Full PDB file with SEQRES, HELIX, SHEET, SSBOND, CRYST1, ORIGX, SCALE, CONECT and MASTER records, all heavy atoms in Angstrom:
SEQRES   1 A   30  THR PRO ASN PRO LEU ARG VAL ILE ASP THR ILE ARG LYS          
SEQRES   2 A   30  ALA ARG LEU GLU ALA GLY ILE ALA LEU ASN ILE GLU THR          
SEQRES   3 A   30  ASN PRO ASP LYS                                              
HELIX    1 AA1 PRO A    4  LYS A   13  1                                  10    
CRYST1    1.000    1.000    1.000  90.00  90.00  90.00 P 1           1          
ORIGX1      1.000000  0.000000  0.000000        0.00000                         
ORIGX2      0.000000  1.000000  0.000000        0.00000                         
ORIGX3      0.000000  0.000000  1.000000        0.00000                         
SCALE1      1.000000  0.000000  0.000000        0.00000                         
SCALE2      0.000000  1.000000  0.000000        0.00000                         
SCALE3      0.000000  0.000000  1.000000        0.00000                         
ATOM      1  N   THR A   1      90.718  81.203  82.637  1.00  0.00           N  
ATOM      2  CA  THR A   1      91.932  81.950  82.943  1.00  0.00           C  
ATOM      3  C   THR A   1      93.169  81.174  82.514  1.00  0.00           C  
ATOM      4  O   THR A   1      93.216  79.948  82.651  1.00  0.00           O  
ATOM      5  CB  THR A   1      92.029  82.257  84.448  1.00  0.00           C  
ATOM      6  OG1 THR A   1      93.288  82.880  84.739  1.00  0.00           O  
ATOM      7  CG2 THR A   1      91.908  80.986  85.278  1.00  0.00           C  
ATOM      8  N   PRO A   2      94.201  81.865  82.006  1.00  0.00           N  
ATOM      9  CA  PRO A   2      95.451  81.178  81.665  1.00  0.00           C  
ATOM     10  C   PRO A   2      96.317  80.921  82.899  1.00  0.00           C  
ATOM     11  O   PRO A   2      97.301  80.191  82.832  1.00  0.00           O  
ATOM     12  CB  PRO A   2      96.137  82.165  80.714  1.00  0.00           C  
ATOM     13  CG  PRO A   2      95.637  83.504  81.150  1.00  0.00           C  
ATOM     14  CD  PRO A   2      94.207  83.280  81.589  1.00  0.00           C  
ATOM     15  N   ASN A   3      95.942  81.509  84.033  1.00  0.00           N  
ATOM     16  CA  ASN A   3      96.772  81.402  85.234  1.00  0.00           C  
ATOM     17  C   ASN A   3      95.896  81.139  86.470  1.00  0.00           C  
ATOM     18  O   ASN A   3      95.651  82.049  87.278  1.00  0.00           O  
ATOM     19  CB  ASN A   3      97.577  82.693  85.426  1.00  0.00           C  
ATOM     20  CG  ASN A   3      98.677  82.532  86.467  1.00  0.00           C  
ATOM     21  OD1 ASN A   3      98.633  81.622  87.297  1.00  0.00           O  
ATOM     22  ND2 ASN A   3      99.655  83.419  86.440  1.00  0.00           N  
ATOM     23  N   PRO A   4      95.426  79.901  86.628  1.00  0.00           N  
ATOM     24  CA  PRO A   4      94.565  79.604  87.778  1.00  0.00           C  
ATOM     25  C   PRO A   4      95.247  79.827  89.120  1.00  0.00           C  
ATOM     26  O   PRO A   4      94.579  80.183  90.097  1.00  0.00           O  
ATOM     27  CB  PRO A   4      94.188  78.133  87.575  1.00  0.00           C  
ATOM     28  CG  PRO A   4      95.192  77.583  86.622  1.00  0.00           C  
ATOM     29  CD  PRO A   4      95.596  78.721  85.750  1.00  0.00           C  
ATOM     30  N   LEU A   5      96.556  79.652  89.190  1.00  0.00           N  
ATOM     31  CA  LEU A   5      97.255  79.868  90.459  1.00  0.00           C  
ATOM     32  C   LEU A   5      97.170  81.321  90.905  1.00  0.00           C  
ATOM     33  O   LEU A   5      97.064  81.606  92.102  1.00  0.00           O  
ATOM     34  CB  LEU A   5      98.720  79.446  90.323  1.00  0.00           C  
ATOM     35  CG  LEU A   5      98.982  77.935  90.335  1.00  0.00           C  
ATOM     36  CD1 LEU A   5     100.447  77.648  90.042  1.00  0.00           C  
ATOM     37  CD2 LEU A   5      98.570  77.317  91.666  1.00  0.00           C  
ATOM     38  N   ARG A   6      97.188  82.240  89.946  1.00  0.00           N  
ATOM     39  CA  ARG A   6      97.064  83.658  90.292  1.00  0.00           C  
ATOM     40  C   ARG A   6      95.676  83.944  90.876  1.00  0.00           C  
ATOM     41  O   ARG A   6      95.540  84.698  91.839  1.00  0.00           O  
ATOM     42  CB  ARG A   6      97.304  84.538  89.071  1.00  0.00           C  
ATOM     43  CG  ARG A   6      97.220  86.033  89.365  1.00  0.00           C  
ATOM     44  CD  ARG A   6      97.571  86.858  88.151  1.00  0.00           C  
ATOM     45  NE  ARG A   6      96.633  86.630  87.060  1.00  0.00           N  
ATOM     46  CZ  ARG A   6      96.754  87.163  85.849  1.00  0.00           C  
ATOM     47  NH1 ARG A   6      97.802  87.923  85.558  1.00  0.00           N  
ATOM     48  NH2 ARG A   6      95.852  86.910  84.913  1.00  0.00           N  
ATOM     49  N   VAL A   7      94.659  83.318  90.305  1.00  0.00           N  
ATOM     50  CA  VAL A   7      93.300  83.512  90.815  1.00  0.00           C  
ATOM     51  C   VAL A   7      93.178  82.927  92.221  1.00  0.00           C  
ATOM     52  O   VAL A   7      92.616  83.558  93.127  1.00  0.00           O  
ATOM     53  CB  VAL A   7      92.257  82.873  89.882  1.00  0.00           C  
ATOM     54  CG1 VAL A   7      90.851  83.146  90.407  1.00  0.00           C  
ATOM     55  CG2 VAL A   7      92.406  83.397  88.458  1.00  0.00           C  
ATOM     56  N   ILE A   8      93.719  81.734  92.409  1.00  0.00           N  
ATOM     57  CA  ILE A   8      93.685  81.102  93.731  1.00  0.00           C  
ATOM     58  C   ILE A   8      94.388  81.978  94.759  1.00  0.00           C  
ATOM     59  O   ILE A   8      93.891  82.175  95.877  1.00  0.00           O  
ATOM     60  CB  ILE A   8      94.339  79.702  93.679  1.00  0.00           C  
ATOM     61  CG1 ILE A   8      93.493  78.757  92.821  1.00  0.00           C  
ATOM     62  CG2 ILE A   8      94.511  79.134  95.088  1.00  0.00           C  
ATOM     63  CD1 ILE A   8      94.187  77.447  92.506  1.00  0.00           C  
ATOM     64  N   ASP A   9      95.540  82.543  94.376  1.00  0.00           N  
ATOM     65  CA  ASP A   9      96.284  83.415  95.286  1.00  0.00           C  
ATOM     66  C   ASP A   9      95.466  84.642  95.669  1.00  0.00           C  
ATOM     67  O   ASP A   9      95.461  85.066  96.836  1.00  0.00           O  
ATOM     68  CB  ASP A   9      97.604  83.830  94.628  1.00  0.00           C  
ATOM     69  CG  ASP A   9      98.496  84.625  95.570  1.00  0.00           C  
ATOM     70  OD1 ASP A   9      98.824  84.104  96.647  1.00  0.00           O  
ATOM     71  OD2 ASP A   9      98.861  85.771  95.222  1.00  0.00           O  
ATOM     72  N   THR A  10      94.743  85.206  94.704  1.00  0.00           N  
ATOM     73  CA  THR A  10      93.896  86.368  94.983  1.00  0.00           C  
ATOM     74  C   THR A  10      92.790  86.011  95.958  1.00  0.00           C  
ATOM     75  O   THR A  10      92.489  86.770  96.895  1.00  0.00           O  
ATOM     76  CB  THR A  10      93.274  86.906  93.676  1.00  0.00           C  
ATOM     77  OG1 THR A  10      94.314  87.260  92.761  1.00  0.00           O  
ATOM     78  CG2 THR A  10      92.400  88.125  93.943  1.00  0.00           C  
ATOM     79  N   ILE A  11      92.193  84.838  95.768  1.00  0.00           N  
ATOM     80  CA  ILE A  11      91.127  84.382  96.671  1.00  0.00           C  
ATOM     81  C   ILE A  11      91.678  84.136  98.066  1.00  0.00           C  
ATOM     82  O   ILE A  11      91.070  84.518  99.075  1.00  0.00           O  
ATOM     83  CB  ILE A  11      90.465  83.108  96.111  1.00  0.00           C  
ATOM     84  CG1 ILE A  11      89.787  83.408  94.766  1.00  0.00           C  
ATOM     85  CG2 ILE A  11      89.462  82.536  97.112  1.00  0.00           C  
ATOM     86  CD1 ILE A  11      89.309  82.175  94.025  1.00  0.00           C  
ATOM     87  N   ARG A  12      92.830  83.509  98.139  1.00  0.00           N  
ATOM     88  CA  ARG A  12      93.451  83.221  99.437  1.00  0.00           C  
ATOM     89  C   ARG A  12      93.784  84.515 100.186  1.00  0.00           C  
ATOM     90  O   ARG A  12      93.599  84.620 101.402  1.00  0.00           O  
ATOM     91  CB  ARG A  12      94.726  82.412  99.221  1.00  0.00           C  
ATOM     92  CG  ARG A  12      94.472  80.985  98.790  1.00  0.00           C  
ATOM     93  CD  ARG A  12      94.035  80.179  99.974  1.00  0.00           C  
ATOM     94  NE  ARG A  12      93.896  78.775  99.642  1.00  0.00           N  
ATOM     95  CZ  ARG A  12      92.831  78.061  99.905  1.00  0.00           C  
ATOM     96  NH1 ARG A  12      91.795  78.607 100.497  1.00  0.00           N  
ATOM     97  NH2 ARG A  12      92.769  76.793  99.596  1.00  0.00           N  
ATOM     98  N   LYS A  13      94.310  85.510  99.451  1.00  0.00           N  
ATOM     99  CA  LYS A  13      94.655  86.786 100.093  1.00  0.00           C  
ATOM    100  C   LYS A  13      93.413  87.486 100.631  1.00  0.00           C  
ATOM    101  O   LYS A  13      93.503  88.281 101.570  1.00  0.00           O  
ATOM    102  CB  LYS A  13      95.387  87.681  99.098  1.00  0.00           C  
ATOM    103  CG  LYS A  13      96.825  87.233  98.840  1.00  0.00           C  
ATOM    104  CD  LYS A  13      97.534  88.150  97.859  1.00  0.00           C  
ATOM    105  CE  LYS A  13      98.990  87.703  97.664  1.00  0.00           C  
ATOM    106  NZ  LYS A  13      99.690  88.539  96.655  1.00  0.00           N  
ATOM    107  N   ALA A  14      92.264  87.188 100.023  1.00  0.00           N  
ATOM    108  CA  ALA A  14      90.999  87.737 100.518  1.00  0.00           C  
ATOM    109  C   ALA A  14      90.448  86.913 101.680  1.00  0.00           C  
ATOM    110  O   ALA A  14      89.384  87.231 102.213  1.00  0.00           O  
ATOM    111  CB  ALA A  14      89.980  87.790  99.386  1.00  0.00           C  
ATOM    112  N   ARG A  15      91.150  85.843 102.057  1.00  0.00           N  
ATOM    113  CA  ARG A  15      90.767  84.960 103.154  1.00  0.00           C  
ATOM    114  C   ARG A  15      89.423  84.286 102.904  1.00  0.00           C  
ATOM    115  O   ARG A  15      88.575  84.186 103.796  1.00  0.00           O  
ATOM    116  CB  ARG A  15      90.771  85.715 104.491  1.00  0.00           C  
ATOM    117  CG  ARG A  15      92.153  86.237 104.869  1.00  0.00           C  
ATOM    118  CD  ARG A  15      92.174  86.874 106.229  1.00  0.00           C  
ATOM    119  NE  ARG A  15      93.514  87.322 106.584  1.00  0.00           N  
ATOM    120  CZ  ARG A  15      93.839  87.899 107.739  1.00  0.00           C  
ATOM    121  NH1 ARG A  15      92.897  88.083 108.661  1.00  0.00           N  
ATOM    122  NH2 ARG A  15      95.076  88.283 107.975  1.00  0.00           N  
ATOM    123  N   LEU A  16      89.264  83.833 101.671  1.00  0.00           N  
ATOM    124  CA  LEU A  16      88.071  83.089 101.274  1.00  0.00           C  
ATOM    125  C   LEU A  16      88.469  81.700 100.821  1.00  0.00           C  
ATOM    126  O   LEU A  16      89.634  81.456 100.476  1.00  0.00           O  
ATOM    127  CB  LEU A  16      87.360  83.815 100.123  1.00  0.00           C  
ATOM    128  CG  LEU A  16      86.869  85.229 100.399  1.00  0.00           C  
ATOM    129  CD1 LEU A  16      86.334  85.849  99.119  1.00  0.00           C  
ATOM    130  CD2 LEU A  16      85.802  85.234 101.482  1.00  0.00           C  
ATOM    131  N   GLU A  17      87.514  80.775 100.811  1.00  0.00           N  
ATOM    132  CA  GLU A  17      87.764  79.457 100.250  1.00  0.00           C  
ATOM    133  C   GLU A  17      87.809  79.554  98.730  1.00  0.00           C  
ATOM    134  O   GLU A  17      87.087  80.341  98.113  1.00  0.00           O  
ATOM    135  CB  GLU A  17      86.675  78.474 100.678  1.00  0.00           C  
ATOM    136  CG  GLU A  17      86.698  78.144 102.150  1.00  0.00           C  
ATOM    137  CD  GLU A  17      85.708  77.041 102.490  1.00  0.00           C  
ATOM    138  OE1 GLU A  17      85.117  76.454 101.560  1.00  0.00           O  
ATOM    139  OE2 GLU A  17      85.519  76.780 103.690  1.00  0.00           O  
ATOM    140  N   ALA A  18      88.658  78.722  98.130  1.00  0.00           N  
ATOM    141  CA  ALA A  18      88.822  78.726  96.675  1.00  0.00           C  
ATOM    142  C   ALA A  18      88.326  77.421  96.077  1.00  0.00           C  
ATOM    143  O   ALA A  18      88.650  76.332  96.554  1.00  0.00           O  
ATOM    144  CB  ALA A  18      90.300  78.924  96.308  1.00  0.00           C  
ATOM    145  N   GLY A  19      87.515  77.559  95.030  1.00  0.00           N  
ATOM    146  CA  GLY A  19      87.039  76.391  94.306  1.00  0.00           C  
ATOM    147  C   GLY A  19      87.261  76.562  92.819  1.00  0.00           C  
ATOM    148  O   GLY A  19      87.265  77.697  92.310  1.00  0.00           O  
ATOM    149  N   ILE A  20      87.475  75.455  92.118  1.00  0.00           N  
ATOM    150  CA  ILE A  20      87.632  75.484  90.663  1.00  0.00           C  
ATOM    151  C   ILE A  20      86.517  74.669  90.027  1.00  0.00           C  
ATOM    152  O   ILE A  20      86.231  73.548  90.453  1.00  0.00           O  
ATOM    153  CB  ILE A  20      89.002  74.930  90.229  1.00  0.00           C  
ATOM    154  CG1 ILE A  20      90.122  75.875  90.655  1.00  0.00           C  
ATOM    155  CG2 ILE A  20      89.048  74.736  88.719  1.00  0.00           C  
ATOM    156  CD1 ILE A  20      91.496  75.484  90.134  1.00  0.00           C  
ATOM    157  N   ALA A  21      85.902  75.251  89.007  1.00  0.00           N  
ATOM    158  CA  ALA A  21      84.853  74.565  88.249  1.00  0.00           C  
ATOM    159  C   ALA A  21      85.428  74.040  86.944  1.00  0.00           C  
ATOM    160  O   ALA A  21      86.280  74.695  86.318  1.00  0.00           O  
ATOM    161  CB  ALA A  21      83.699  75.521  87.964  1.00  0.00           C  
ATOM    162  N   LEU A  22      84.954  72.869  86.539  1.00  0.00           N  
ATOM    163  CA  LEU A  22      85.376  72.258  85.285  1.00  0.00           C  
ATOM    164  C   LEU A  22      84.176  72.048  84.379  1.00  0.00           C  
ATOM    165  O   LEU A  22      83.156  71.490  84.806  1.00  0.00           O  
ATOM    166  CB  LEU A  22      86.042  70.900  85.538  1.00  0.00           C  
ATOM    167  CG  LEU A  22      87.348  70.875  86.327  1.00  0.00           C  
ATOM    168  CD1 LEU A  22      87.837  69.438  86.433  1.00  0.00           C  
ATOM    169  CD2 LEU A  22      88.401  71.745  85.675  1.00  0.00           C  
ATOM    170  N   ASN A  23      84.309  72.455  83.130  1.00  0.00           N  
ATOM    171  CA  ASN A  23      83.278  72.137  82.146  1.00  0.00           C  
ATOM    172  C   ASN A  23      83.310  70.642  81.838  1.00  0.00           C  
ATOM    173  O   ASN A  23      84.302  69.949  82.117  1.00  0.00           O  
ATOM    174  CB  ASN A  23      83.494  72.948  80.877  1.00  0.00           C  
ATOM    175  CG  ASN A  23      83.146  74.411  81.068  1.00  0.00           C  
ATOM    176  OD1 ASN A  23      82.497  74.794  82.048  1.00  0.00           O  
ATOM    177  ND2 ASN A  23      83.578  75.246  80.132  1.00  0.00           N  
ATOM    178  N   ILE A  24      82.250  70.167  81.227  1.00  0.00           N  
ATOM    179  CA  ILE A  24      82.092  68.736  80.974  1.00  0.00           C  
ATOM    180  C   ILE A  24      83.283  68.142  80.236  1.00  0.00           C  
ATOM    181  O   ILE A  24      83.748  67.039  80.553  1.00  0.00           O  
ATOM    182  CB  ILE A  24      80.783  68.485  80.186  1.00  0.00           C  
ATOM    183  CG1 ILE A  24      79.574  68.766  81.090  1.00  0.00           C  
ATOM    184  CG2 ILE A  24      80.708  67.058  79.653  1.00  0.00           C  
ATOM    185  CD1 ILE A  24      78.255  68.775  80.358  1.00  0.00           C  
ATOM    186  N   GLU A  25      83.784  68.861  79.245  1.00  0.00           N  
ATOM    187  CA  GLU A  25      84.830  68.318  78.386  1.00  0.00           C  
ATOM    188  C   GLU A  25      86.234  68.380  78.989  1.00  0.00           C  
ATOM    189  O   GLU A  25      87.180  67.782  78.456  1.00  0.00           O  
ATOM    190  CB  GLU A  25      84.835  69.054  77.038  1.00  0.00           C  
ATOM    191  CG  GLU A  25      85.279  70.510  77.095  1.00  0.00           C  
ATOM    192  CD  GLU A  25      84.169  71.477  77.476  1.00  0.00           C  
ATOM    193  OE1 GLU A  25      83.076  71.004  77.831  1.00  0.00           O  
ATOM    194  OE2 GLU A  25      84.412  72.692  77.425  1.00  0.00           O  
ATOM    195  N   THR A  26      86.408  69.071  80.109  1.00  0.00           N  
ATOM    196  CA  THR A  26      87.740  69.257  80.687  1.00  0.00           C  
ATOM    197  C   THR A  26      88.146  68.060  81.537  1.00  0.00           C  
ATOM    198  O   THR A  26      87.390  67.604  82.400  1.00  0.00           O  
ATOM    199  CB  THR A  26      87.791  70.535  81.537  1.00  0.00           C  
ATOM    200  OG1 THR A  26      87.432  71.651  80.724  1.00  0.00           O  
ATOM    201  CG2 THR A  26      89.185  70.771  82.105  1.00  0.00           C  
ATOM    202  N   ASN A  27      89.343  67.567  81.295  1.00  0.00           N  
ATOM    203  CA  ASN A  27      89.884  66.433  82.053  1.00  0.00           C  
ATOM    204  C   ASN A  27      90.362  66.914  83.423  1.00  0.00           C  
ATOM    205  O   ASN A  27      91.218  67.804  83.501  1.00  0.00           O  
ATOM    206  CB  ASN A  27      91.057  65.814  81.275  1.00  0.00           C  
ATOM    207  CG  ASN A  27      91.528  64.514  81.885  1.00  0.00           C  
ATOM    208  OD1 ASN A  27      91.414  64.286  83.092  1.00  0.00           O  
ATOM    209  ND2 ASN A  27      92.086  63.647  81.057  1.00  0.00           N  
ATOM    210  N   PRO A  28      89.827  66.364  84.514  1.00  0.00           N  
ATOM    211  CA  PRO A  28      90.251  66.809  85.850  1.00  0.00           C  
ATOM    212  C   PRO A  28      91.718  66.542  86.154  1.00  0.00           C  
ATOM    213  O   PRO A  28      92.270  67.122  87.090  1.00  0.00           O  
ATOM    214  CB  PRO A  28      89.330  66.021  86.792  1.00  0.00           C  
ATOM    215  CG  PRO A  28      88.812  64.881  85.997  1.00  0.00           C  
ATOM    216  CD  PRO A  28      88.760  65.359  84.576  1.00  0.00           C  
ATOM    217  N   ASP A  29      92.365  65.679  85.362  1.00  0.00           N  
ATOM    218  CA  ASP A  29      93.801  65.443  85.562  1.00  0.00           C  
ATOM    219  C   ASP A  29      94.606  66.721  85.362  1.00  0.00           C  
ATOM    220  O   ASP A  29      95.733  66.833  85.853  1.00  0.00           O  
ATOM    221  CB  ASP A  29      94.307  64.374  84.596  1.00  0.00           C  
ATOM    222  CG  ASP A  29      93.806  62.979  84.956  1.00  0.00           C  
ATOM    223  OD1 ASP A  29      93.304  62.803  86.086  1.00  0.00           O  
ATOM    224  OD2 ASP A  29      93.912  62.077  84.109  1.00  0.00           O  
ATOM    225  N   LYS A  30      94.038  67.702  84.648  1.00  0.00           N  
ATOM    226  CA  LYS A  30      94.734  68.980  84.434  1.00  0.00           C  
ATOM    227  C   LYS A  30      94.927  69.756  85.740  1.00  0.00           C  
ATOM    228  O   LYS A  30      95.740  70.675  85.805  1.00  0.00           O  
ATOM    229  CB  LYS A  30      93.965  69.828  83.427  1.00  0.00           C  
ATOM    230  CG  LYS A  30      93.976  69.264  82.011  1.00  0.00           C  
ATOM    231  CD  LYS A  30      93.293  70.208  81.034  1.00  0.00           C  
ATOM    232  CE  LYS A  30      93.388  69.672  79.601  1.00  0.00           C  
ATOM    233  NZ  LYS A  30      92.766  70.597  78.622  1.00  0.00           N  
TER     234      LYS A  30                                                      
MASTER        0    0    0    1    0    0    0    6  233    1    0    3          
END                                                                             
């Protein structure tokens, strides 16, 4: 997604826990 904050907001509004997955090559500093 180009907008992870929008996805997190959607999950939060559903009153669920939000998690983000990173592929091997992605730097977690992002």
